[in-house]
Amino acid sequence: MSFFVDNIKLLRSKKKISQAELAAQLIITRSAYAAYESGRVQPGADILIKMSKYFNISIDLLLTVDIGKYPLEEMINLPNNRIVLPVVVDPKGNNYIEIVAQKASMGYLKGFSDPEYIEGLSRMSLPFLRHGKYRAFMADGDSMPPFVDKTHVIGEYVEKLEDLKKGNKYIFVTSDGITFKTLVENKGNAITVSADNSFYESYDIALENVLEIWEYTSGILPKDYNLGYSNEINLHQIIQELRKDIKKLNSKL
């Protein structure tokens, strides 16, 4: 909790309330709260939850990030105690788009909610993507068909499940990895998705396994991409997917 003490002091000062007033909101004594600000006592989970709700700041942000470095008013608060850093713009006002490179894709599953991790990613800007929060994910091999290896697949962050639209294409960041699929149906506790290739049947992803969803907006193909190999690429994708399915079946036997 190296940042916690400074964070709650900062948040309380921005609210312009006394220790006693904040203690009353948390339903504890002033002396108990003062012990948190002095660092003599660490709060339990119940108090952390109350503080998180009161300040509208995620618990992981309270504990692990120096929030004094960022403009709180511009932070994007996400469900399930997750945050996205403020949208950073270049001198011309264009959005910076973080790039999740091939080697960083697995690390992203652990660092997606860590502002310092996100801040360390490479960035680019595209003048036609000015409004919204965008992120680029680089396809690794056949990880995001139909996109070929090293394609930058760019998506706009989806804040609410209600914003998902049937038939639209999305980048789903799940506990199992990052995948590119078309939304078939939102079932409430799961979403049904399908691959672009009709060879494969639709399948469900449990919402509890979904970390983030980005709606597809654009793709940047690699320099050596050859349009003439589209059929060969599709066949290669089918073979690779079949191999994966066989491995899964063998592991269950």
C-alpha atoms as a PDB file:
ATOM      1  CA  MET A   1       0.000   0.000   0.000  1.00  0.00           C
ATOM      2  CA  SER A   2       2.879   2.339  -0.780  1.00  0.00           C
ATOM      3  CA  PHE A   3       0.648   4.899  -2.526  1.00  0.00           C
ATOM      4  CA  PHE A   4      -2.486   4.457  -0.422  1.00  0.00           C
ATOM      5  CA  VAL A   5      -1.754   7.055   2.277  1.00  0.00           C
ATOM      6  CA  ASP A   6      -0.931   9.837  -0.185  1.00  0.00           C
ATOM      7  CA  ASN A   7      -3.869   8.886  -2.383  1.00  0.00           C
ATOM      8  CA  ILE A   8      -6.537   9.149   0.306  1.00  0.00           C
ATOM      9  CA  LYS A   9      -5.064  12.432   1.544  1.00  0.00           C
ATOM     10  CA  LEU A  10      -5.238  13.812  -1.993  1.00  0.00           C
ATOM     11  CA  LEU A  11      -8.768  12.570  -2.589  1.00  0.00           C
ATOM     12  CA  ARG A  12     -10.027  13.975   0.704  1.00  0.00           C
ATOM     13  CA  SER A  13      -8.475  17.364  -0.036  1.00  0.00           C
ATOM     14  CA  LYS A  14     -10.131  17.433  -3.456  1.00  0.00           C
ATOM     15  CA  LYS A  15     -13.465  16.711  -1.777  1.00  0.00           C
ATOM     16  CA  LYS A  16     -12.693  19.556   0.681  1.00  0.00           C
ATOM     17  CA  ILE A  17     -13.874  17.554   3.678  1.00  0.00           C
ATOM     18  CA  SER A  18     -12.343  16.943   7.096  1.00  0.00           C
ATOM     19  CA  GLN A  19     -11.173  13.628   8.506  1.00  0.00           C
ATOM     20  CA  ALA A  20     -14.230  13.575  10.755  1.00  0.00           C
ATOM     21  CA  GLU A  21     -16.588  14.101   7.812  1.00  0.00           C
ATOM     22  CA  LEU A  22     -14.993  11.343   5.790  1.00  0.00           C
ATOM     23  CA  ALA A  23     -14.981   9.024   8.804  1.00  0.00           C
ATOM     24  CA  ALA A  24     -18.720   9.598   9.139  1.00  0.00           C
ATOM     25  CA  GLN A  25     -19.222   8.594   5.493  1.00  0.00           C
ATOM     26  CA  LEU A  26     -17.256   5.394   6.129  1.00  0.00           C
ATOM     27  CA  ILE A  27     -19.134   4.770   9.415  1.00  0.00           C
ATOM     28  CA  ILE A  28     -15.948   4.688  11.508  1.00  0.00           C
ATOM     29  CA  THR A  29     -14.431   6.969  14.140  1.00  0.00           C
ATOM     30  CA  ARG A  30     -12.240   9.931  13.226  1.00  0.00           C
ATOM     31  CA  SER A  31      -9.321   8.415  15.118  1.00  0.00           C
ATOM     32  CA  ALA A  32      -9.674   5.179  13.123  1.00  0.00           C
ATOM     33  CA  TYR A  33      -9.564   7.115   9.868  1.00  0.00           C
ATOM     34  CA  ALA A  34      -6.639   9.247  11.046  1.00  0.00           C
ATOM     35  CA  ALA A  35      -4.698   6.017  11.611  1.00  0.00           C
ATOM     36  CA  TYR A  36      -5.182   5.156   7.913  1.00  0.00           C
ATOM     37  CA  GLU A  37      -3.880   8.542   6.754  1.00  0.00           C
ATOM     38  CA  SER A  38      -0.861   8.301   9.038  1.00  0.00           C
ATOM     39  CA  GLY A  39      -0.058   4.815   7.767  1.00  0.00           C
ATOM     40  CA  ARG A  40      -0.176   3.305  11.251  1.00  0.00           C
ATOM     41  CA  VAL A  41      -3.076   1.007  10.350  1.00  0.00           C
ATOM     42  CA  GLN A  42      -4.029  -0.654   7.082  1.00  0.00           C
ATOM     43  CA  PRO A  43      -7.764  -0.749   6.280  1.00  0.00           C
ATOM     44  CA  GLY A  44      -9.623  -3.997   5.825  1.00  0.00           C
ATOM     45  CA  ALA A  45     -11.434  -5.024   2.653  1.00  0.00           C
ATOM     46  CA  ASP A  46     -14.755  -3.575   3.844  1.00  0.00           C
ATOM     47  CA  ILE A  47     -13.254  -0.109   4.337  1.00  0.00           C
ATOM     48  CA  LEU A  48     -11.425  -0.243   0.998  1.00  0.00           C
ATOM     49  CA  ILE A  49     -14.707  -1.039  -0.735  1.00  0.00           C
ATOM     50  CA  LYS A  50     -16.431   1.898   0.978  1.00  0.00           C
ATOM     51  CA  MET A  51     -13.595   4.257   0.017  1.00  0.00           C
ATOM     52  CA  SER A  52     -13.642   3.009  -3.548  1.00  0.00           C
ATOM     53  CA  LYS A  53     -17.366   3.679  -3.865  1.00  0.00           C
ATOM     54  CA  TYR A  54     -17.199   7.044  -2.107  1.00  0.00           C
ATOM     55  CA  PHE A  55     -14.339   8.418  -4.220  1.00  0.00           C
ATOM     56  CA  ASN A  56     -15.467   6.584  -7.367  1.00  0.00           C
ATOM     57  CA  ILE A  57     -11.936   5.230  -7.745  1.00  0.00           C
ATOM     58  CA  SER A  58     -11.044   1.564  -8.230  1.00  0.00           C
ATOM     59  CA  ILE A  59      -9.365  -0.267  -5.347  1.00  0.00           C
ATOM     60  CA  ASP A  60      -6.338  -1.239  -7.433  1.00  0.00           C
ATOM     61  CA  LEU A  61      -5.880   2.420  -8.321  1.00  0.00           C
ATOM     62  CA  LEU A  62      -6.062   3.427  -4.654  1.00  0.00           C
ATOM     63  CA  LEU A  63      -3.432   0.891  -3.666  1.00  0.00           C
ATOM     64  CA  THR A  64      -0.952   0.652  -6.502  1.00  0.00           C
ATOM     65  CA  VAL A  65      -0.816   3.929  -8.458  1.00  0.00           C
ATOM     66  CA  ASP A  66       0.302   7.451  -7.575  1.00  0.00           C
ATOM     67  CA  ILE A  67      -2.917   9.114  -8.689  1.00  0.00           C
ATOM     68  CA  GLY A  68      -1.400  12.528  -8.073  1.00  0.00           C
ATOM     69  CA  LYS A  69       0.401  12.063 -11.403  1.00  0.00           C
ATOM     70  CA  TYR A  70      -2.846  11.889 -13.380  1.00  0.00           C
ATOM     71  CA  PRO A  71      -5.831  14.253 -13.855  1.00  0.00           C
ATOM     72  CA  LEU A  72      -8.591  12.402 -12.008  1.00  0.00           C
ATOM     73  CA  GLU A  73     -11.329  14.267 -13.826  1.00  0.00           C
ATOM     74  CA  GLU A  74     -10.264  12.707 -17.127  1.00  0.00           C
ATOM     75  CA  MET A  75      -9.833   9.109 -15.984  1.00  0.00           C
ATOM     76  CA  ILE A  76     -12.159   6.527 -17.450  1.00  0.00           C
ATOM     77  CA  ASN A  77     -13.601   4.341 -14.690  1.00  0.00           C
ATOM     78  CA  LEU A  78     -14.535   0.862 -15.869  1.00  0.00           C
ATOM     79  CA  PRO A  79     -16.619  -1.920 -14.310  1.00  0.00           C
ATOM     80  CA  ASN A  80     -15.102  -4.440 -11.918  1.00  0.00           C
ATOM     81  CA  ASN A  81     -12.475  -2.133 -10.429  1.00  0.00           C
ATOM     82  CA  ARG A  82     -10.717  -1.440 -13.712  1.00  0.00           C
ATOM     83  CA  ILE A  83      -9.499   1.823 -15.183  1.00  0.00           C
ATOM     84  CA  VAL A  84      -8.176   3.222 -18.408  1.00  0.00           C
ATOM     85  CA  LEU A  85      -5.676   6.061 -18.312  1.00  0.00           C
ATOM     86  CA  PRO A  86      -6.832   9.450 -19.579  1.00  0.00           C
ATOM     87  CA  VAL A  87      -6.825   9.742 -23.342  1.00  0.00           C
ATOM     88  CA  VAL A  88      -3.456  11.268 -24.226  1.00  0.00           C
ATOM     89  CA  VAL A  89      -3.266  13.564 -27.240  1.00  0.00           C
ATOM     90  CA  ASP A  90      -0.355  14.844 -29.294  1.00  0.00           C
ATOM     91  CA  PRO A  91       0.334  18.574 -29.865  1.00  0.00           C
ATOM     92  CA  LYS A  92      -2.125  18.564 -32.791  1.00  0.00           C
ATOM     93  CA  GLY A  93      -4.941  17.116 -30.717  1.00  0.00           C
ATOM     94  CA  ASN A  94      -4.844  13.603 -32.178  1.00  0.00           C
ATOM     95  CA  ASN A  95      -5.460  10.631 -29.903  1.00  0.00           C
ATOM     96  CA  TYR A  96      -2.558   8.415 -29.002  1.00  0.00           C
ATOM     97  CA  ILE A  97      -3.362   4.748 -29.530  1.00  0.00           C
ATOM     98  CA  GLU A  98      -1.493   2.222 -27.375  1.00  0.00           C
ATOM     99  CA  ILE A  99      -0.101  -0.763 -29.274  1.00  0.00           C
ATOM    100  CA  VAL A 100      -0.194  -4.231 -27.713  1.00  0.00           C
ATOM    101  CA  ALA A 101       2.681  -5.871 -29.570  1.00  0.00           C
ATOM    102  CA  GLN A 102       3.000  -9.610 -30.222  1.00  0.00           C
ATOM    103  CA  LYS A 103       5.420 -10.157 -27.349  1.00  0.00           C
ATOM    104  CA  ALA A 104       3.236  -8.080 -25.014  1.00  0.00           C
ATOM    105  CA  SER A 105      -0.076  -9.867 -25.676  1.00  0.00           C
ATOM    106  CA  MET A 106       0.186 -12.368 -22.790  1.00  0.00           C
ATOM    107  CA  GLY A 107       1.493  -9.691 -20.434  1.00  0.00           C
ATOM    108  CA  TYR A 108      -1.502  -7.559 -21.366  1.00  0.00           C
ATOM    109  CA  LEU A 109      -3.865 -10.078 -19.746  1.00  0.00           C
ATOM    110  CA  LYS A 110      -2.219  -9.265 -16.406  1.00  0.00           C
ATOM    111  CA  GLY A 111      -1.360  -5.607 -16.996  1.00  0.00           C
ATOM    112  CA  PHE A 112      -4.473  -4.273 -18.751  1.00  0.00           C
ATOM    113  CA  SER A 113      -5.690  -2.624 -15.521  1.00  0.00           C
ATOM    114  CA  ASP A 114      -2.269  -1.314 -14.493  1.00  0.00           C
ATOM    115  CA  PRO A 115      -1.849   2.338 -15.592  1.00  0.00           C
ATOM    116  CA  GLU A 116       1.933   2.122 -15.451  1.00  0.00           C
ATOM    117  CA  TYR A 117       1.927  -0.949 -17.716  1.00  0.00           C
ATOM    118  CA  ILE A 118      -0.389   0.762 -20.224  1.00  0.00           C
ATOM    119  CA  GLU A 119       1.697   3.916 -20.081  1.00  0.00           C
ATOM    120  CA  GLY A 120       4.765   1.885 -21.058  1.00  0.00           C
ATOM    121  CA  LEU A 121       3.233   0.567 -24.297  1.00  0.00           C
ATOM    122  CA  SER A 122       4.271   2.009 -27.645  1.00  0.00           C
ATOM    123  CA  ARG A 123       1.865   4.510 -29.169  1.00  0.00           C
ATOM    124  CA  MET A 124       0.709   5.848 -32.490  1.00  0.00           C
ATOM    125  CA  SER A 125      -1.902   8.351 -33.630  1.00  0.00           C
ATOM    126  CA  LEU A 126      -4.330   8.310 -36.548  1.00  0.00           C
ATOM    127  CA  PRO A 127      -6.024  11.575 -37.579  1.00  0.00           C
ATOM    128  CA  PHE A 128      -9.296   9.826 -38.500  1.00  0.00           C
ATOM    129  CA  LEU A 129      -9.660   8.364 -34.999  1.00  0.00           C
ATOM    130  CA  ARG A 130     -10.038  11.493 -32.878  1.00  0.00           C
ATOM    131  CA  HIS A 131     -12.910  10.701 -30.513  1.00  0.00           C
ATOM    132  CA  GLY A 132     -13.127   7.721 -28.168  1.00  0.00           C
ATOM    133  CA  LYS A 133     -10.574   5.414 -26.575  1.00  0.00           C
ATOM    134  CA  TYR A 134      -8.719   3.188 -29.036  1.00  0.00           C
ATOM    135  CA  ARG A 135      -6.131   0.440 -28.691  1.00  0.00           C
ATOM    136  CA  ALA A 136      -4.242  -1.581 -31.304  1.00  0.00           C
ATOM    137  CA  PHE A 137      -3.584  -5.309 -30.934  1.00  0.00           C
ATOM    138  CA  MET A 138      -0.989  -6.946 -33.175  1.00  0.00           C
ATOM    139  CA  ALA A 139      -1.943 -10.306 -34.644  1.00  0.00           C
ATOM    140  CA  ASP A 140       0.555 -13.038 -33.804  1.00  0.00           C
ATOM    141  CA  GLY A 141       0.621 -15.780 -36.419  1.00  0.00           C
ATOM    142  CA  ASP A 142      -2.948 -16.981 -36.841  1.00  0.00           C
ATOM    143  CA  SER A 143      -4.095 -15.654 -33.450  1.00  0.00           C
ATOM    144  CA  MET A 144      -6.699 -13.254 -34.882  1.00  0.00           C
ATOM    145  CA  PRO A 145      -8.027 -14.613 -38.187  1.00  0.00           C
ATOM    146  CA  PRO A 146      -8.766 -13.362 -40.795  1.00  0.00           C
ATOM    147  CA  PHE A 147      -5.945 -10.910 -40.014  1.00  0.00           C
ATOM    148  CA  VAL A 148      -2.488 -12.109 -40.967  1.00  0.00           C
ATOM    149  CA  ASP A 149       0.606 -12.055 -38.807  1.00  0.00           C
ATOM    150  CA  LYS A 150       1.762  -8.568 -37.657  1.00  0.00           C
ATOM    151  CA  THR A 151      -1.491  -6.824 -38.632  1.00  0.00           C
ATOM    152  CA  HIS A 152      -2.404  -3.966 -36.269  1.00  0.00           C
ATOM    153  CA  VAL A 153      -6.073  -4.565 -35.382  1.00  0.00           C
ATOM    154  CA  ILE A 154      -7.523  -1.370 -33.887  1.00  0.00           C
ATOM    155  CA  GLY A 155     -10.596  -1.289 -31.679  1.00  0.00           C
ATOM    156  CA  GLU A 156     -12.627   1.301 -29.770  1.00  0.00           C
ATOM    157  CA  TYR A 157     -13.307   0.514 -26.120  1.00  0.00           C
ATOM    158  CA  VAL A 158     -16.821  -0.749 -25.312  1.00  0.00           C
ATOM    159  CA  GLU A 159     -17.910   0.573 -21.922  1.00  0.00           C
ATOM    160  CA  LYS A 160     -21.269  -1.221 -21.613  1.00  0.00           C
ATOM    161  CA  LEU A 161     -22.440  -4.641 -22.706  1.00  0.00           C
ATOM    162  CA  GLU A 162     -25.651  -2.977 -23.868  1.00  0.00           C
ATOM    163  CA  ASP A 163     -23.596  -1.207 -26.532  1.00  0.00           C
ATOM    164  CA  LEU A 164     -22.698  -4.510 -28.218  1.00  0.00           C
ATOM    165  CA  LYS A 165     -24.452  -4.991 -31.550  1.00  0.00           C
ATOM    166  CA  LYS A 166     -25.204  -8.279 -33.279  1.00  0.00           C
ATOM    167  CA  GLY A 167     -23.200  -8.754 -36.428  1.00  0.00           C
ATOM    168  CA  ASN A 168     -20.465  -6.299 -35.443  1.00  0.00           C
ATOM    169  CA  LYS A 169     -16.870  -7.415 -35.069  1.00  0.00           C
ATOM    170  CA  TYR A 170     -15.005  -7.110 -31.771  1.00  0.00           C
ATOM    171  CA  ILE A 171     -11.668  -7.798 -30.154  1.00  0.00           C
ATOM    172  CA  PHE A 172     -12.438  -9.853 -27.048  1.00  0.00           C
ATOM    173  CA  VAL A 173      -9.807  -9.819 -24.311  1.00  0.00           C
ATOM    174  CA  THR A 174     -10.524 -12.836 -22.115  1.00  0.00           C
ATOM    175  CA  SER A 175      -8.690 -14.749 -19.415  1.00  0.00           C
ATOM    176  CA  ASP A 176      -7.720 -17.236 -22.167  1.00  0.00           C
ATOM    177  CA  GLY A 177      -6.270 -14.693 -24.591  1.00  0.00           C
ATOM    178  CA  ILE A 178      -7.108 -12.082 -27.214  1.00  0.00           C
ATOM    179  CA  THR A 179      -9.417 -13.040 -30.072  1.00  0.00           C
ATOM    180  CA  PHE A 180     -11.215 -11.371 -32.974  1.00  0.00           C
ATOM    181  CA  LYS A 181     -14.802 -12.506 -33.474  1.00  0.00           C
ATOM    182  CA  THR A 182     -18.268 -11.440 -34.659  1.00  0.00           C
ATOM    183  CA  LEU A 183     -20.996 -11.056 -32.025  1.00  0.00           C
ATOM    184  CA  VAL A 184     -23.909 -13.417 -32.582  1.00  0.00           C
ATOM    185  CA  GLU A 185     -25.904 -12.954 -29.372  1.00  0.00           C
ATOM    186  CA  ASN A 186     -25.708 -11.526 -25.853  1.00  0.00           C
ATOM    187  CA  LYS A 187     -27.262 -14.087 -23.509  1.00  0.00           C
ATOM    188  CA  GLY A 188     -26.832 -12.129 -20.284  1.00  0.00           C
ATOM    189  CA  ASN A 189     -24.334 -14.429 -18.580  1.00  0.00           C
ATOM    190  CA  ALA A 190     -22.474 -15.261 -21.794  1.00  0.00           C
ATOM    191  CA  ILE A 191     -21.960 -13.968 -25.298  1.00  0.00           C
ATOM    192  CA  THR A 192     -22.134 -16.074 -28.434  1.00  0.00           C
ATOM    193  CA  VAL A 193     -19.456 -15.324 -31.027  1.00  0.00           C
ATOM    194  CA  SER A 194     -18.460 -16.683 -34.400  1.00  0.00           C
ATOM    195  CA  ALA A 195     -15.373 -16.667 -36.606  1.00  0.00           C
ATOM    196  CA  ASP A 196     -15.437 -15.097 -40.052  1.00  0.00           C
ATOM    197  CA  ASN A 197     -14.957 -18.541 -41.563  1.00  0.00           C
ATOM    198  CA  SER A 198     -18.314 -20.384 -41.732  1.00  0.00           C
ATOM    199  CA  PHE A 199     -16.373 -23.662 -41.416  1.00  0.00           C
ATOM    200  CA  TYR A 200     -16.449 -23.165 -37.644  1.00  0.00           C
ATOM    201  CA  GLU A 201     -19.523 -23.211 -35.416  1.00  0.00           C
ATOM    202  CA  SER A 202     -20.409 -20.365 -33.060  1.00  0.00           C
ATOM    203  CA  TYR A 203     -19.505 -20.751 -29.403  1.00  0.00           C
ATOM    204  CA  ASP A 204     -20.131 -19.050 -26.060  1.00  0.00           C
ATOM    205  CA  ILE A 205     -17.758 -16.983 -23.934  1.00  0.00           C
ATOM    206  CA  ALA A 206     -18.782 -16.682 -20.276  1.00  0.00           C
ATOM    207  CA  LEU A 207     -18.965 -13.023 -19.240  1.00  0.00           C
ATOM    208  CA  GLU A 208     -16.972 -13.800 -16.108  1.00  0.00           C
ATOM    209  CA  ASN A 209     -14.032 -14.607 -18.383  1.00  0.00           C
ATOM    210  CA  VAL A 210     -14.285 -11.363 -20.380  1.00  0.00           C
ATOM    211  CA  LEU A 211     -11.752  -8.710 -19.335  1.00  0.00           C
ATOM    212  CA  GLU A 212     -12.293  -6.117 -22.057  1.00  0.00           C
ATOM    213  CA  ILE A 213     -14.138  -5.664 -25.349  1.00  0.00           C
ATOM    214  CA  TRP A 214     -12.984  -3.394 -28.182  1.00  0.00           C
ATOM    215  CA  GLU A 215     -15.147  -2.786 -31.250  1.00  0.00           C
ATOM    216  CA  TYR A 216     -13.191  -3.198 -34.480  1.00  0.00           C
ATOM    217  CA  THR A 217     -12.607   0.092 -36.283  1.00  0.00           C
ATOM    218  CA  SER A 218      -9.585  -0.360 -38.527  1.00  0.00           C
ATOM    219  CA  GLY A 219      -6.659  -2.586 -39.460  1.00  0.00           C
ATOM    220  CA  ILE A 220      -3.138  -1.834 -40.633  1.00  0.00           C
ATOM    221  CA  LEU A 221      -1.682  -4.638 -42.735  1.00  0.00           C
ATOM    222  CA  PRO A 222       2.033  -5.502 -42.583  1.00  0.00           C
ATOM    223  CA  LYS A 223       4.385  -4.215 -45.261  1.00  0.00           C
ATOM    224  CA  ASP A 224       4.970  -7.652 -46.793  1.00  0.00           C
ATOM    225  CA  TYR A 225       1.263  -8.578 -47.015  1.00  0.00           C
ATOM    226  CA  ASN A 226       0.368 -10.092 -50.402  1.00  0.00           C
ATOM    227  CA  LEU A 227      -3.283  -9.958 -51.461  1.00  0.00           C
ATOM    228  CA  GLY A 228      -2.700 -12.822 -53.881  1.00  0.00           C
ATOM    229  CA  TYR A 229      -2.307 -15.330 -51.031  1.00  0.00           C
ATOM    230  CA  SER A 230      -5.747 -14.886 -49.466  1.00  0.00           C
ATOM    231  CA  ASN A 231      -6.956 -18.406 -50.317  1.00  0.00           C
ATOM    232  CA  GLU A 232      -3.753 -19.995 -49.097  1.00  0.00           C
ATOM    233  CA  ILE A 233      -3.999 -18.028 -45.851  1.00  0.00           C
ATOM    234  CA  ASN A 234      -7.587 -19.180 -45.269  1.00  0.00           C
ATOM    235  CA  LEU A 235      -6.568 -22.814 -45.765  1.00  0.00           C
ATOM    236  CA  HIS A 236      -3.662 -22.352 -43.367  1.00  0.00           C
ATOM    237  CA  GLN A 237      -6.019 -20.869 -40.771  1.00  0.00           C
ATOM    238  CA  ILE A 238      -8.377 -23.825 -41.070  1.00  0.00           C
ATOM    239  CA  ILE A 239      -5.532 -26.302 -40.589  1.00  0.00           C
ATOM    240  CA  GLN A 240      -4.197 -24.426 -37.569  1.00  0.00           C
ATOM    241  CA  GLU A 241      -7.644 -24.226 -35.970  1.00  0.00           C
ATOM    242  CA  LEU A 242      -8.169 -27.955 -36.544  1.00  0.00           C
ATOM    243  CA  ARG A 243      -4.863 -28.681 -34.850  1.00  0.00           C
ATOM    244  CA  LYS A 244      -5.910 -26.611 -31.851  1.00  0.00           C
ATOM    245  CA  ASP A 245      -9.256 -28.434 -31.644  1.00  0.00           C
ATOM    246  CA  ILE A 246      -7.513 -31.823 -31.802  1.00  0.00           C
ATOM    247  CA  LYS A 247      -5.134 -30.807 -28.991  1.00  0.00           C
ATOM    248  CA  LYS A 248      -8.097 -29.737 -26.834  1.00  0.00           C
ATOM    249  CA  LEU A 249      -9.868 -33.028 -27.450  1.00  0.00           C
ATOM    250  CA  ASN A 250      -6.718 -35.030 -26.646  1.00  0.00           C
ATOM    251  CA  SER A 251      -6.252 -33.137 -23.386  1.00  0.00           C
ATOM    252  CA  LYS A 252      -9.784 -34.100 -22.288  1.00  0.00           C
ATOM    253  CA  LEU A 253      -9.347 -37.793 -23.088  1.00  0.00           C
END
